[in-house]
Structure formats: structure tokens, C-alpha cells
Amino acid sequence: MEANLFEFRIINLSDGNQVIDPTLKTPYNSLTPLQFFEYVEMDVQLAYMDRMERMKRKKEKNRRLAKNPLYRLACFCGLV
């Protein structure tokens, strides 16, 4: 992975909306200073959203595990 790339591209649509395409990469040197700032902010937001999604999946996994009768038995026996 090259250090001078954003792992996404912001695409401006004709109706004024913006779409993030994670399949494309954007080199730093192709951006104006204002665009670079937007990309940095979007990168931070995407990283935060990824972290929240991982935490949500971990919580769901723990919840499913806690409902498992074998896990409850192991807890009762002091194995976990």
C-alpha cells in the first residue's frame, strides 16, 4: 500500500450530491488544498464509522455467546 493515497474517491454528481467510491484510490498530489482537507475529514469520519461497526459486531457476538447454553454452563462451572 502506498502512503500517498486515499483509499477512496469522492465523486460529485450532477445533482450536487457526493458519493464515496471505495474501489478507487486518490493520490494526494491530484488534490487542491481544499479538496485535500475534505478528503482528510472524510477519512477520519470513515475510520470512526468502521470502528463503531466493529464495536457493534463485537457486542452482537458477545450477546449471542451469552445466550449459548454451553457458554452459560461453562460460566456456571467456573471454566470461563
C-alpha atoms as a PDB file:
ATOM      1  CA  MET A   1       0.000   0.000   0.000  1.00  0.00           C
ATOM      2  CA  GLU A   2       1.358   3.368  -0.970  1.00  0.00           C
ATOM      3  CA  ALA A   3       1.402   6.054   1.703  1.00  0.00           C
ATOM      4  CA  ASN A   4       0.434   8.856  -0.690  1.00  0.00           C
ATOM      5  CA  LEU A   5      -3.067   7.610  -1.479  1.00  0.00           C
ATOM      6  CA  PHE A   6      -6.520   7.902  -0.015  1.00  0.00           C
ATOM      7  CA  GLU A   7      -8.276   4.546  -0.224  1.00  0.00           C
ATOM      8  CA  PHE A   8     -11.432   6.113  -1.659  1.00  0.00           C
ATOM      9  CA  ARG A   9     -12.578   8.769  -4.107  1.00  0.00           C
ATOM     10  CA  ILE A  10     -15.299  11.362  -3.645  1.00  0.00           C
ATOM     11  CA  ILE A  11     -17.365  11.675  -6.813  1.00  0.00           C
ATOM     12  CA  ASN A  12     -19.525  14.748  -7.368  1.00  0.00           C
ATOM     13  CA  LEU A  13     -22.840  14.010  -9.072  1.00  0.00           C
ATOM     14  CA  SER A  14     -24.689  16.364 -11.400  1.00  0.00           C
ATOM     15  CA  ASP A  15     -27.470  16.908  -8.835  1.00  0.00           C
ATOM     16  CA  GLY A  16     -24.978  18.260  -6.256  1.00  0.00           C
ATOM     17  CA  ASN A  17     -24.670  15.098  -4.165  1.00  0.00           C
ATOM     18  CA  GLN A  18     -21.391  13.361  -3.455  1.00  0.00           C
ATOM     19  CA  VAL A  19     -20.711   9.628  -3.497  1.00  0.00           C
ATOM     20  CA  ILE A  20     -17.763   7.817  -1.918  1.00  0.00           C
ATOM     21  CA  ASP A  21     -16.299   5.102  -4.139  1.00  0.00           C
ATOM     22  CA  PRO A  22     -14.052   2.772  -2.088  1.00  0.00           C
ATOM     23  CA  THR A  23     -12.894   0.886  -5.204  1.00  0.00           C
ATOM     24  CA  LEU A  24     -10.927   3.886  -6.491  1.00  0.00           C
ATOM     25  CA  LYS A  25      -7.837   5.427  -4.931  1.00  0.00           C
ATOM     26  CA  THR A  26      -6.966   9.126  -4.898  1.00  0.00           C
ATOM     27  CA  PRO A  27      -3.344  10.328  -4.906  1.00  0.00           C
ATOM     28  CA  TYR A  28      -2.521  13.241  -2.637  1.00  0.00           C
ATOM     29  CA  ASN A  29      -0.847  15.263  -5.385  1.00  0.00           C
ATOM     30  CA  SER A  30      -4.018  15.276  -7.533  1.00  0.00           C
ATOM     31  CA  LEU A  31      -5.955  17.307  -4.950  1.00  0.00           C
ATOM     32  CA  THR A  32      -6.164  21.015  -4.313  1.00  0.00           C
ATOM     33  CA  PRO A  33      -5.581  22.128  -0.690  1.00  0.00           C
ATOM     34  CA  LEU A  34      -9.349  22.479  -0.130  1.00  0.00           C
ATOM     35  CA  GLN A  35     -10.062  19.050  -1.605  1.00  0.00           C
ATOM     36  CA  PHE A  36      -7.231  17.574   0.472  1.00  0.00           C
ATOM     37  CA  PHE A  37      -8.865  18.962   3.623  1.00  0.00           C
ATOM     38  CA  GLU A  38     -12.219  17.410   2.584  1.00  0.00           C
ATOM     39  CA  TYR A  39     -10.540  14.060   1.956  1.00  0.00           C
ATOM     40  CA  VAL A  40      -8.783  14.140   5.335  1.00  0.00           C
ATOM     41  CA  GLU A  41     -12.064  14.915   7.101  1.00  0.00           C
ATOM     42  CA  MET A  42     -13.835  12.132   5.186  1.00  0.00           C
ATOM     43  CA  ASP A  43     -11.019   9.705   6.003  1.00  0.00           C
ATOM     44  CA  VAL A  44     -11.424  10.471   9.709  1.00  0.00           C
ATOM     45  CA  GLN A  45     -15.199  10.003   9.500  1.00  0.00           C
ATOM     46  CA  LEU A  46     -14.856   6.699   7.631  1.00  0.00           C
ATOM     47  CA  ALA A  47     -12.338   5.411  10.184  1.00  0.00           C
ATOM     48  CA  TYR A  48     -14.716   6.346  13.007  1.00  0.00           C
ATOM     49  CA  MET A  49     -17.644   4.617  11.277  1.00  0.00           C
ATOM     50  CA  ASP A  50     -15.528   1.481  10.742  1.00  0.00           C
ATOM     51  CA  ARG A  51     -14.554   1.457  14.415  1.00  0.00           C
ATOM     52  CA  MET A  52     -18.183   1.821  15.505  1.00  0.00           C
ATOM     53  CA  GLU A  53     -19.211  -1.020  13.167  1.00  0.00           C
ATOM     54  CA  ARG A  54     -16.507  -3.296  14.615  1.00  0.00           C
ATOM     55  CA  MET A  55     -17.642  -2.485  18.151  1.00  0.00           C
ATOM     56  CA  LYS A  56     -21.256  -3.209  17.198  1.00  0.00           C
ATOM     57  CA  ARG A  57     -20.308  -6.591  15.693  1.00  0.00           C
ATOM     58  CA  LYS A  58     -18.265  -7.465  18.792  1.00  0.00           C
ATOM     59  CA  LYS A  59     -21.199  -6.597  21.055  1.00  0.00           C
ATOM     60  CA  GLU A  60     -23.572  -8.721  18.962  1.00  0.00           C
ATOM     61  CA  LYS A  61     -21.113 -11.625  19.074  1.00  0.00           C
ATOM     62  CA  ASN A  62     -20.839 -11.366  22.861  1.00  0.00           C
ATOM     63  CA  ARG A  63     -24.626 -11.193  23.149  1.00  0.00           C
ATOM     64  CA  ARG A  64     -25.037 -14.338  21.014  1.00  0.00           C
ATOM     65  CA  LEU A  65     -22.345 -16.088  23.029  1.00  0.00           C
ATOM     66  CA  ALA A  66     -24.034 -15.196  26.321  1.00  0.00           C
ATOM     67  CA  LYS A  67     -27.272 -16.804  25.104  1.00  0.00           C
ATOM     68  CA  ASN A  68     -25.478 -20.046  24.281  1.00  0.00           C
ATOM     69  CA  PRO A  69     -26.394 -22.732  26.844  1.00  0.00           C
ATOM     70  CA  LEU A  70     -22.935 -24.337  26.678  1.00  0.00           C
ATOM     71  CA  TYR A  71     -21.298 -20.977  27.438  1.00  0.00           C
ATOM     72  CA  ARG A  72     -23.652 -20.491  30.389  1.00  0.00           C
ATOM     73  CA  LEU A  73     -22.767 -23.955  31.678  1.00  0.00           C
ATOM     74  CA  ALA A  74     -19.047 -23.205  31.350  1.00  0.00           C
ATOM     75  CA  CYS A  75     -19.549 -19.950  33.302  1.00  0.00           C
ATOM     76  CA  PHE A  76     -21.529 -21.789  35.966  1.00  0.00           C
ATOM     77  CA  CYS A  77     -18.730 -24.365  36.319  1.00  0.00           C
ATOM     78  CA  GLY A  78     -16.131 -21.602  36.564  1.00  0.00           C
ATOM     79  CA  LEU A  79     -14.345 -22.527  33.322  1.00  0.00           C
ATOM     80  CA  VAL A  80     -14.759 -19.058  31.801  1.00  0.00           C
END
